[in-house]
Amino acid sequence: LITCPSIQAIGFGLPGTEYDGQMIVSDYKDLLGVSVTEYFRT
């Protein structure tokens, strides 16, 4: 965002499943139970 402030949307490609705002399946244990999209949207 410092390099390119014209960025207006972000997409994450992550193996796993997000349901009801939280990661319920993930290959990366640090993301399990985390509200990834809501965190970065906020």
ModelCIF file with pLDDT and N, C-alpha, C, O atoms, coordinates in Angstrom:
data_MODEL
#
_entry.id   MODEL 
#
_entity.id                         1 
_entity.type                       polymer 
_entity.pdbx_number_of_molecules   1 
#
_entity_poly.entity_id                      1 
_entity_poly.type                           'polypeptide(L)' 
_entity_poly.nstd_linkage                   no 
_entity_poly.nstd_monomer                   no 
_entity_poly.pdbx_seq_one_letter_code       LITCPSIQAIGFGLPGTEYDGQMIVSDYKDLLGVSVTEYFRT 
_entity_poly.pdbx_seq_one_letter_code_can   LITCPSIQAIGFGLPGTEYDGQMIVSDYKDLLGVSVTEYFRT 
_entity_poly.pdbx_strand_id                 A 
#
loop_
_entity_poly_seq.entity_id 
_entity_poly_seq.num 
_entity_poly_seq.mon_id 
_entity_poly_seq.hetero 
1 1  LEU n 
1 2  ILE n 
1 3  THR n 
1 4  CYS n 
1 5  PRO n 
1 6  SER n 
1 7  ILE n 
1 8  GLN n 
1 9  ALA n 
1 10 ILE n 
1 11 GLY n 
1 12 PHE n 
1 13 GLY n 
1 14 LEU n 
1 15 PRO n 
1 16 GLY n 
1 17 THR n 
1 18 GLU n 
1 19 TYR n 
1 20 ASP n 
1 21 GLY n 
1 22 GLN n 
1 23 MET n 
1 24 ILE n 
1 25 VAL n 
1 26 SER n 
1 27 ASP n 
1 28 TYR n 
1 29 LYS n 
1 30 ASP n 
1 31 LEU n 
1 32 LEU n 
1 33 GLY n 
1 34 VAL n 
1 35 SER n 
1 36 VAL n 
1 37 THR n 
1 38 GLU n 
1 39 TYR n 
1 40 PHE n 
1 41 ARG n 
1 42 THR n 
#
_struct_asym.id          A 
_struct_asym.entity_id   1 
#
loop_
_ma_qa_metric.id 
_ma_qa_metric.mode 
_ma_qa_metric.name 
_ma_qa_metric.software_group_id 
_ma_qa_metric.type 
1 global pLDDT . pLDDT 
2 local  pLDDT . pLDDT 
#
_ma_qa_metric_global.metric_id      1 
_ma_qa_metric_global.metric_value   90.07 
_ma_qa_metric_global.model_id       1 
_ma_qa_metric_global.ordinal_id     1 
#
loop_
_ma_qa_metric_local.label_asym_id 
_ma_qa_metric_local.label_comp_id 
_ma_qa_metric_local.label_seq_id 
_ma_qa_metric_local.metric_id 
_ma_qa_metric_local.metric_value 
_ma_qa_metric_local.model_id 
_ma_qa_metric_local.ordinal_id 
A LEU 1  2 97.00 1 1  
A ILE 2  2 96.00 1 2  
A THR 3  2 94.00 1 3  
A CYS 4  2 96.00 1 4  
A PRO 5  2 96.00 1 5  
A SER 6  2 96.00 1 6  
A ILE 7  2 97.00 1 7  
A GLN 8  2 96.00 1 8  
A ALA 9  2 96.00 1 9  
A ILE 10 2 97.00 1 10 
A GLY 11 2 96.00 1 11 
A PHE 12 2 95.00 1 12 
A GLY 13 2 92.00 1 13 
A LEU 14 2 87.00 1 14 
A PRO 15 2 82.00 1 15 
A GLY 16 2 79.00 1 16 
A THR 17 2 83.00 1 17 
A GLU 18 2 83.00 1 18 
A TYR 19 2 81.00 1 19 
A ASP 20 2 82.00 1 20 
A GLY 21 2 81.00 1 21 
A GLN 22 2 87.00 1 22 
A MET 23 2 87.00 1 23 
A ILE 24 2 85.00 1 24 
A VAL 25 2 83.00 1 25 
A SER 26 2 83.00 1 26 
A ASP 27 2 81.00 1 27 
A TYR 28 2 87.00 1 28 
A LYS 29 2 89.00 1 29 
A ASP 30 2 89.00 1 30 
A LEU 31 2 91.00 1 31 
A LEU 32 2 90.00 1 32 
A GLY 33 2 90.00 1 33 
A VAL 34 2 90.00 1 34 
A SER 35 2 91.00 1 35 
A VAL 36 2 91.00 1 36 
A THR 37 2 92.00 1 37 
A GLU 38 2 93.00 1 38 
A TYR 39 2 95.00 1 39 
A PHE 40 2 96.00 1 40 
A ARG 41 2 95.00 1 41 
A THR 42 2 96.00 1 42 
#
loop_
_atom_site.group_PDB 
_atom_site.id 
_atom_site.type_symbol 
_atom_site.label_atom_id 
_atom_site.label_alt_id 
_atom_site.label_comp_id 
_atom_site.label_asym_id 
_atom_site.label_entity_id 
_atom_site.label_seq_id 
_atom_site.pdbx_PDB_ins_code 
_atom_site.Cartn_x 
_atom_site.Cartn_y 
_atom_site.Cartn_z 
_atom_site.occupancy 
_atom_site.B_iso_or_equiv 
_atom_site.pdbx_formal_charge 
_atom_site.auth_seq_id 
_atom_site.auth_comp_id 
_atom_site.auth_asym_id 
_atom_site.auth_atom_id 
_atom_site.pdbx_PDB_model_num 
ATOM 1   N N  . LEU A 1 1  ? 0.815   -1.211  0.000  1.00 97.00 ? 1  LEU A N  1 
ATOM 2   C CA . LEU A 1 1  ? 0.000   0.000   0.000  1.00 97.00 ? 1  LEU A CA 1 
ATOM 3   C C  . LEU A 1 1  ? 0.852   1.266   0.000  1.00 97.00 ? 1  LEU A C  1 
ATOM 4   O O  . LEU A 1 1  ? 0.413   2.318   -0.464 1.00 97.00 ? 1  LEU A O  1 
ATOM 5   N N  . ILE A 1 2  ? 2.063   1.159   0.519  1.00 96.00 ? 2  ILE A N  1 
ATOM 6   C CA . ILE A 1 2  ? 3.007   2.280   0.413  1.00 96.00 ? 2  ILE A CA 1 
ATOM 7   C C  . ILE A 1 2  ? 3.510   2.402   -1.025 1.00 96.00 ? 2  ILE A C  1 
ATOM 8   O O  . ILE A 1 2  ? 3.589   3.499   -1.578 1.00 96.00 ? 2  ILE A O  1 
ATOM 9   N N  . THR A 1 3  ? 3.847   1.263   -1.615 1.00 94.00 ? 3  THR A N  1 
ATOM 10  C CA . THR A 1 3  ? 4.368   1.242   -2.984 1.00 94.00 ? 3  THR A CA 1 
ATOM 11  C C  . THR A 1 3  ? 3.291   1.619   -3.991 1.00 94.00 ? 3  THR A C  1 
ATOM 12  O O  . THR A 1 3  ? 3.555   2.335   -4.957 1.00 94.00 ? 3  THR A O  1 
ATOM 13  N N  . CYS A 1 4  ? 2.074   1.130   -3.758 1.00 96.00 ? 4  CYS A N  1 
ATOM 14  C CA . CYS A 1 4  ? 1.007   1.295   -4.746 1.00 96.00 ? 4  CYS A CA 1 
ATOM 15  C C  . CYS A 1 4  ? -0.300  1.682   -4.035 1.00 96.00 ? 4  CYS A C  1 
ATOM 16  O O  . CYS A 1 4  ? -1.160  0.828   -3.815 1.00 96.00 ? 4  CYS A O  1 
ATOM 17  N N  . PRO A 1 5  ? -0.449  2.951   -3.680 1.00 96.00 ? 5  PRO A N  1 
ATOM 18  C CA . PRO A 1 5  ? -1.641  3.384   -2.943 1.00 96.00 ? 5  PRO A CA 1 
ATOM 19  C C  . PRO A 1 5  ? -2.934  3.317   -3.744 1.00 96.00 ? 5  PRO A C  1 
ATOM 20  O O  . PRO A 1 5  ? -4.012  3.544   -3.193 1.00 96.00 ? 5  PRO A O  1 
ATOM 21  N N  . SER A 1 6  ? -2.844  3.010   -5.037 1.00 96.00 ? 6  SER A N  1 
ATOM 22  C CA . SER A 1 6  ? -4.048  2.885   -5.873 1.00 96.00 ? 6  SER A CA 1 
ATOM 23  C C  . SER A 1 6  ? -4.759  1.546   -5.678 1.00 96.00 ? 6  SER A C  1 
ATOM 24  O O  . SER A 1 6  ? -5.810  1.320   -6.279 1.00 96.00 ? 6  SER A O  1 
ATOM 25  N N  . ILE A 1 7  ? -4.207  0.651   -4.849 1.00 97.00 ? 7  ILE A N  1 
ATOM 26  C CA . ILE A 1 7  ? -4.857  -0.632  -4.571 1.00 97.00 ? 7  ILE A CA 1 
ATOM 27  C C  . ILE A 1 7  ? -6.201  -0.376  -3.882 1.00 97.00 ? 7  ILE A C  1 
ATOM 28  O O  . ILE A 1 7  ? -6.271  0.328   -2.875 1.00 97.00 ? 7  ILE A O  1 
ATOM 29  N N  . GLN A 1 8  ? -7.261  -0.957  -4.441 1.00 96.00 ? 8  GLN A N  1 
ATOM 30  C CA . GLN A 1 8  ? -8.610  -0.735  -3.925 1.00 96.00 ? 8  GLN A CA 1 
ATOM 31  C C  . GLN A 1 8  ? -9.333  -2.014  -3.520 1.00 96.00 ? 8  GLN A C  1 
ATOM 32  O O  . GLN A 1 8  ? -10.471 -1.956  -3.056 1.00 96.00 ? 8  GLN A O  1 
ATOM 33  N N  . ALA A 1 9  ? -8.689  -3.167  -3.690 1.00 96.00 ? 9  ALA A N  1 
ATOM 34  C CA . ALA A 1 9  ? -9.295  -4.442  -3.293 1.00 96.00 ? 9  ALA A CA 1 
ATOM 35  C C  . ALA A 1 9  ? -8.176  -5.449  -3.072 1.00 96.00 ? 9  ALA A C  1 
ATOM 36  O O  . ALA A 1 9  ? -7.119  -5.370  -3.698 1.00 96.00 ? 9  ALA A O  1 
ATOM 37  N N  . ILE A 1 10 ? -8.423  -6.397  -2.176 1.00 97.00 ? 10 ILE A N  1 
ATOM 38  C CA . ILE A 1 10 ? -7.416  -7.415  -1.844 1.00 97.00 ? 10 ILE A CA 1 
ATOM 39  C C  . ILE A 1 10 ? -8.063  -8.789  -1.903 1.00 97.00 ? 10 ILE A C  1 
ATOM 40  O O  . ILE A 1 10 ? -9.157  -8.991  -1.376 1.00 97.00 ? 10 ILE A O  1 
ATOM 41  N N  . GLY A 1 11 ? -7.382  -9.733  -2.548 1.00 96.00 ? 11 GLY A N  1 
ATOM 42  C CA . GLY A 1 11 ? -7.854  -11.110 -2.620 1.00 96.00 ? 11 GLY A CA 1 
ATOM 43  C C  . GLY A 1 11 ? -6.816  -12.067 -2.058 1.00 96.00 ? 11 GLY A C  1 
ATOM 44  O O  . GLY A 1 11 ? -5.648  -12.026 -2.442 1.00 96.00 ? 11 GLY A O  1 
ATOM 45  N N  . PHE A 1 12 ? -7.250  -12.927 -1.146 1.00 95.00 ? 12 PHE A N  1 
ATOM 46  C CA . PHE A 1 12 ? -6.379  -13.949 -0.561 1.00 95.00 ? 12 PHE A CA 1 
ATOM 47  C C  . PHE A 1 12 ? -6.714  -15.310 -1.169 1.00 95.00 ? 12 PHE A C  1 
ATOM 48  O O  . PHE A 1 12 ? -7.874  -15.721 -1.175 1.00 95.00 ? 12 PHE A O  1 
ATOM 49  N N  . GLY A 1 13 ? -5.716  -15.995 -1.672 1.00 92.00 ? 13 GLY A N  1 
ATOM 50  C CA . GLY A 1 13 ? -5.881  -17.374 -2.094 1.00 92.00 ? 13 GLY A CA 1 
ATOM 51  C C  . GLY A 1 13 ? -5.324  -18.268 -1.003 1.00 92.00 ? 13 GLY A C  1 
ATOM 52  O O  . GLY A 1 13 ? -4.110  -18.353 -0.818 1.00 92.00 ? 13 GLY A O  1 
ATOM 53  N N  . LEU A 1 14 ? -6.217  -18.936 -0.278 1.00 87.00 ? 14 LEU A N  1 
ATOM 54  C CA . LEU A 1 14 ? -5.789  -19.742 0.867  1.00 87.00 ? 14 LEU A CA 1 
ATOM 55  C C  . LEU A 1 14 ? -6.439  -21.120 0.815  1.00 87.00 ? 14 LEU A C  1 
ATOM 56  O O  . LEU A 1 14 ? -7.650  -21.219 0.620  1.00 87.00 ? 14 LEU A O  1 
ATOM 57  N N  . PRO A 1 15 ? -5.653  -22.189 0.988  1.00 82.00 ? 15 PRO A N  1 
ATOM 58  C CA . PRO A 1 15 ? -6.248  -23.522 1.072  1.00 82.00 ? 15 PRO A CA 1 
ATOM 59  C C  . PRO A 1 15 ? -7.013  -23.646 2.380  1.00 82.00 ? 15 PRO A C  1 
ATOM 60  O O  . PRO A 1 15 ? -6.454  -23.431 3.456  1.00 82.00 ? 15 PRO A O  1 
ATOM 61  N N  . GLY A 1 16 ? -8.278  -23.988 2.288  1.00 79.00 ? 16 GLY A N  1 
ATOM 62  C CA . GLY A 1 16 ? -9.085  -24.101 3.494  1.00 79.00 ? 16 GLY A CA 1 
ATOM 63  C C  . GLY A 1 16 ? -10.483 -23.570 3.277  1.00 79.00 ? 16 GLY A C  1 
ATOM 64  O O  . GLY A 1 16 ? -10.887 -23.280 2.151  1.00 79.00 ? 16 GLY A O  1 
ATOM 65  N N  . THR A 1 17 ? -11.217 -23.445 4.366  1.00 83.00 ? 17 THR A N  1 
ATOM 66  C CA . THR A 1 17 ? -12.619 -23.048 4.298  1.00 83.00 ? 17 THR A CA 1 
ATOM 67  C C  . THR A 1 17 ? -12.925 -22.040 5.389  1.00 83.00 ? 17 THR A C  1 
ATOM 68  O O  . THR A 1 17 ? -12.555 -22.231 6.547  1.00 83.00 ? 17 THR A O  1 
ATOM 69  N N  . GLU A 1 18 ? -13.601 -20.968 5.013  1.00 83.00 ? 18 GLU A N  1 
ATOM 70  C CA . GLU A 1 18 ? -14.066 -19.981 5.976  1.00 83.00 ? 18 GLU A CA 1 
ATOM 71  C C  . GLU A 1 18 ? -15.584 -20.087 6.080  1.00 83.00 ? 18 GLU A C  1 
ATOM 72  O O  . GLU A 1 18 ? -16.282 -20.070 5.066  1.00 83.00 ? 18 GLU A O  1 
ATOM 73  N N  . TYR A 1 19 ? -16.088 -20.197 7.290  1.00 81.00 ? 19 TYR A N  1 
ATOM 74  C CA . TYR A 1 19 ? -17.532 -20.310 7.504  1.00 81.00 ? 19 TYR A CA 1 
ATOM 75  C C  . TYR A 1 19 ? -17.925 -19.471 8.707  1.00 81.00 ? 19 TYR A C  1 
ATOM 76  O O  . TYR A 1 19 ? -17.270 -19.496 9.749  1.00 81.00 ? 19 TYR A O  1 
ATOM 77  N N  . ASP A 1 20 ? -19.015 -18.724 8.537  1.00 82.00 ? 20 ASP A N  1 
ATOM 78  C CA . ASP A 1 20 ? -19.519 -17.876 9.614  1.00 82.00 ? 20 ASP A CA 1 
ATOM 79  C C  . ASP A 1 20 ? -18.420 -16.944 10.130 1.00 82.00 ? 20 ASP A C  1 
ATOM 80  O O  . ASP A 1 20 ? -18.325 -16.659 11.323 1.00 82.00 ? 20 ASP A O  1 
ATOM 81  N N  . GLY A 1 21 ? -17.584 -16.474 9.174  1.00 81.00 ? 21 GLY A N  1 
ATOM 82  C CA . GLY A 1 21 ? -16.571 -15.482 9.513  1.00 81.00 ? 21 GLY A CA 1 
ATOM 83  C C  . GLY A 1 21 ? -15.264 -16.014 10.066 1.00 81.00 ? 21 GLY A C  1 
ATOM 84  O O  . GLY A 1 21 ? -14.384 -15.228 10.416 1.00 81.00 ? 21 GLY A O  1 
ATOM 85  N N  . GLN A 1 22 ? -15.108 -17.351 10.157 1.00 87.00 ? 22 GLN A N  1 
ATOM 86  C CA . GLN A 1 22 ? -13.881 -17.908 10.719 1.00 87.00 ? 22 GLN A CA 1 
ATOM 87  C C  . GLN A 1 22 ? -13.368 -19.060 9.865  1.00 87.00 ? 22 GLN A C  1 
ATOM 88  O O  . GLN A 1 22 ? -14.141 -19.762 9.213  1.00 87.00 ? 22 GLN A O  1 
ATOM 89  N N  . MET A 1 23 ? -12.053 -19.243 9.879  1.00 87.00 ? 23 MET A N  1 
ATOM 90  C CA . MET A 1 23 ? -11.441 -20.365 9.181  1.00 87.00 ? 23 MET A CA 1 
ATOM 91  C C  . MET A 1 23 ? -11.715 -21.649 9.964  1.00 87.00 ? 23 MET A C  1 
ATOM 92  O O  . MET A 1 23 ? -11.267 -21.796 11.101 1.00 87.00 ? 23 MET A O  1 
ATOM 93  N N  . ILE A 1 24 ? -12.450 -22.572 9.351  1.00 85.00 ? 24 ILE A N  1 
ATOM 94  C CA . ILE A 1 24 ? -12.750 -23.844 10.012 1.00 85.00 ? 24 ILE A CA 1 
ATOM 95  C C  . ILE A 1 24 ? -11.874 -24.971 9.475  1.00 85.00 ? 24 ILE A C  1 
ATOM 96  O O  . ILE A 1 24 ? -11.726 -26.007 10.122 1.00 85.00 ? 24 ILE A O  1 
ATOM 97  N N  . VAL A 1 25 ? -11.292 -24.770 8.293  1.00 83.00 ? 25 VAL A N  1 
ATOM 98  C CA . VAL A 1 25 ? -10.333 -25.715 7.713  1.00 83.00 ? 25 VAL A CA 1 
ATOM 99  C C  . VAL A 1 25 ? -9.190  -24.892 7.138  1.00 83.00 ? 25 VAL A C  1 
ATOM 100 O O  . VAL A 1 25 ? -9.425  -23.936 6.398  1.00 83.00 ? 25 VAL A O  1 
ATOM 101 N N  . SER A 1 26 ? -7.955  -25.254 7.472  1.00 83.00 ? 26 SER A N  1 
ATOM 102 C CA . SER A 1 26 ? -6.809  -24.532 6.928  1.00 83.00 ? 26 SER A CA 1 
ATOM 103 C C  . SER A 1 26 ? -5.563  -25.405 7.008  1.00 83.00 ? 26 SER A C  1 
ATOM 104 O O  . SER A 1 26 ? -5.359  -26.144 7.971  1.00 83.00 ? 26 SER A O  1 
ATOM 105 N N  . ASP A 1 27 ? -4.728  -25.298 5.960  1.00 81.00 ? 27 ASP A N  1 
ATOM 106 C CA . ASP A 1 27 ? -3.428  -25.967 6.003  1.00 81.00 ? 27 ASP A CA 1 
ATOM 107 C C  . ASP A 1 27 ? -2.466  -25.243 6.937  1.00 81.00 ? 27 ASP A C  1 
ATOM 108 O O  . ASP A 1 27 ? -1.417  -25.783 7.290  1.00 81.00 ? 27 ASP A O  1 
ATOM 109 N N  . TYR A 1 28 ? -2.819  -24.020 7.341  1.00 87.00 ? 28 TYR A N  1 
ATOM 110 C CA . TYR A 1 28 ? -1.959  -23.205 8.198  1.00 87.00 ? 28 TYR A CA 1 
ATOM 111 C C  . TYR A 1 28 ? -2.629  -23.020 9.553  1.00 87.00 ? 28 TYR A C  1 
ATOM 112 O O  . TYR A 1 28 ? -3.632  -22.316 9.674  1.00 87.00 ? 28 TYR A O  1 
ATOM 113 N N  . LYS A 1 29 ? -2.061  -23.660 10.567 1.00 89.00 ? 29 LYS A N  1 
ATOM 114 C CA . LYS A 1 29 ? -2.703  -23.745 11.884 1.00 89.00 ? 29 LYS A CA 1 
ATOM 115 C C  . LYS A 1 29 ? -2.927  -22.376 12.520 1.00 89.00 ? 29 LYS A C  1 
ATOM 116 O O  . LYS A 1 29 ? -3.862  -22.208 13.303 1.00 89.00 ? 29 LYS A O  1 
ATOM 117 N N  . ASP A 1 30 ? -2.079  -21.390 12.194 1.00 89.00 ? 30 ASP A N  1 
ATOM 118 C CA . ASP A 1 30 ? -2.217  -20.066 12.792 1.00 89.00 ? 30 ASP A CA 1 
ATOM 119 C C  . ASP A 1 30 ? -3.441  -19.315 12.282 1.00 89.00 ? 30 ASP A C  1 
ATOM 120 O O  . ASP A 1 30 ? -3.796  -18.269 12.825 1.00 89.00 ? 30 ASP A O  1 
ATOM 121 N N  . LEU A 1 31 ? -4.087  -19.837 11.248 1.00 91.00 ? 31 LEU A N  1 
ATOM 122 C CA . LEU A 1 31 ? -5.283  -19.184 10.719 1.00 91.00 ? 31 LEU A CA 1 
ATOM 123 C C  . LEU A 1 31 ? -6.576  -19.863 11.177 1.00 91.00 ? 31 LEU A C  1 
ATOM 124 O O  . LEU A 1 31 ? -7.661  -19.317 10.976 1.00 91.00 ? 31 LEU A O  1 
ATOM 125 N N  . LEU A 1 32 ? -6.474  -21.035 11.783 1.00 90.00 ? 32 LEU A N  1 
ATOM 126 C CA . LEU A 1 32 ? -7.677  -21.738 12.241 1.00 90.00 ? 32 LEU A CA 1 
ATOM 127 C C  . LEU A 1 32 ? -8.403  -20.910 13.311 1.00 90.00 ? 32 LEU A C  1 
ATOM 128 O O  . LEU A 1 32 ? -7.795  -20.435 14.270 1.00 90.00 ? 32 LEU A O  1 
ATOM 129 N N  . GLY A 1 33 ? -9.702  -20.755 13.122 1.00 90.00 ? 33 GLY A N  1 
ATOM 130 C CA . GLY A 1 33 ? -10.506 -19.985 14.064 1.00 90.00 ? 33 GLY A CA 1 
ATOM 131 C C  . GLY A 1 33 ? -10.370 -18.487 13.910 1.00 90.00 ? 33 GLY A C  1 
ATOM 132 O O  . GLY A 1 33 ? -10.943 -17.737 14.701 1.00 90.00 ? 33 GLY A O  1 
ATOM 133 N N  . VAL A 1 34 ? -9.624  -18.024 12.907 1.00 90.00 ? 34 VAL A N  1 
ATOM 134 C CA . VAL A 1 34 ? -9.370  -16.597 12.707 1.00 90.00 ? 34 VAL A CA 1 
ATOM 135 C C  . VAL A 1 34 ? -10.347 -16.027 11.677 1.00 90.00 ? 34 VAL A C  1 
ATOM 136 O O  . VAL A 1 34 ? -10.677 -16.687 10.692 1.00 90.00 ? 34 VAL A O  1 
ATOM 137 N N  . SER A 1 35 ? -10.796 -14.816 11.909 1.00 91.00 ? 35 SER A N  1 
ATOM 138 C CA . SER A 1 35 ? -11.678 -14.112 10.964 1.00 91.00 ? 35 SER A CA 1 
ATOM 139 C C  . SER A 1 35 ? -10.803 -13.320 9.990  1.00 91.00 ? 35 SER A C  1 
ATOM 140 O O  . SER A 1 35 ? -10.613 -12.115 10.151 1.00 91.00 ? 35 SER A O  1 
ATOM 141 N N  . VAL A 1 36 ? -10.277 -14.007 8.987  1.00 91.00 ? 36 VAL A N  1 
ATOM 142 C CA . VAL A 1 36 ? -9.297  -13.406 8.088  1.00 91.00 ? 36 VAL A CA 1 
ATOM 143 C C  . VAL A 1 36 ? -9.896  -12.239 7.313  1.00 91.00 ? 36 VAL A C  1 
ATOM 144 O O  . VAL A 1 36 ? -9.359  -11.132 7.355  1.00 91.00 ? 36 VAL A O  1 
ATOM 145 N N  . THR A 1 37 ? -10.997 -12.467 6.608  1.00 92.00 ? 37 THR A N  1 
ATOM 146 C CA . THR A 1 37 ? -11.545 -11.408 5.759  1.00 92.00 ? 37 THR A CA 1 
ATOM 147 C C  . THR A 1 37 ? -12.036 -10.223 6.595  1.00 92.00 ? 37 THR A C  1 
ATOM 148 O O  . THR A 1 37 ? -11.820 -9.072  6.215  1.00 92.00 ? 37 THR A O  1 
ATOM 149 N N  . GLU A 1 38 ? -12.692 -10.490 7.724  1.00 93.00 ? 38 GLU A N  1 
ATOM 150 C CA . GLU A 1 38 ? -13.214 -9.405  8.543  1.00 93.00 ? 38 GLU A CA 1 
ATOM 151 C C  . GLU A 1 38 ? -12.077 -8.569  9.139  1.00 93.00 ? 38 GLU A C  1 
ATOM 152 O O  . GLU A 1 38 ? -12.181 -7.346  9.226  1.00 93.00 ? 38 GLU A O  1 
ATOM 153 N N  . TYR A 1 39 ? -10.989 -9.238  9.549  1.00 95.00 ? 39 TYR A N  1 
ATOM 154 C CA . TYR A 1 39 ? -9.846  -8.519  10.112 1.00 95.00 ? 39 TYR A CA 1 
ATOM 155 C C  . TYR A 1 39 ? -9.285  -7.519  9.100  1.00 95.00 ? 39 TYR A C  1 
ATOM 156 O O  . TYR A 1 39 ? -9.072  -6.351  9.427  1.00 95.00 ? 39 TYR A O  1 
ATOM 157 N N  . PHE A 1 40 ? -9.048  -7.982  7.876  1.00 96.00 ? 40 PHE A N  1 
ATOM 158 C CA . PHE A 1 40 ? -8.432  -7.108  6.884  1.00 96.00 ? 40 PHE A CA 1 
ATOM 159 C C  . PHE A 1 40 ? -9.433  -6.103  6.312  1.00 96.00 ? 40 PHE A C  1 
ATOM 160 O O  . PHE A 1 40 ? -9.046  -5.005  5.912  1.00 96.00 ? 40 PHE A O  1 
ATOM 161 N N  . ARG A 1 41 ? -10.707 -6.466  6.269  1.00 95.00 ? 41 ARG A N  1 
ATOM 162 C CA . ARG A 1 41 ? -11.719 -5.506  5.816  1.00 95.00 ? 41 ARG A CA 1 
ATOM 163 C C  . ARG A 1 41 ? -11.799 -4.327  6.786  1.00 95.00 ? 41 ARG A C  1 
ATOM 164 O O  . ARG A 1 41 ? -11.916 -3.175  6.366  1.00 95.00 ? 41 ARG A O  1 
ATOM 165 N N  . THR A 1 42 ? -11.736 -4.621  8.068  1.00 96.00 ? 42 THR A N  1 
ATOM 166 C CA . THR A 1 42 ? -11.769 -3.571  9.080  1.00 96.00 ? 42 THR A CA 1 
ATOM 167 C C  . THR A 1 42 ? -10.492 -2.740  9.045  1.00 96.00 ? 42 THR A C  1 
ATOM 168 O O  . THR A 1 42 ? -10.342 -1.804  9.831  1.00 96.00 ? 42 THR A O  1 
#
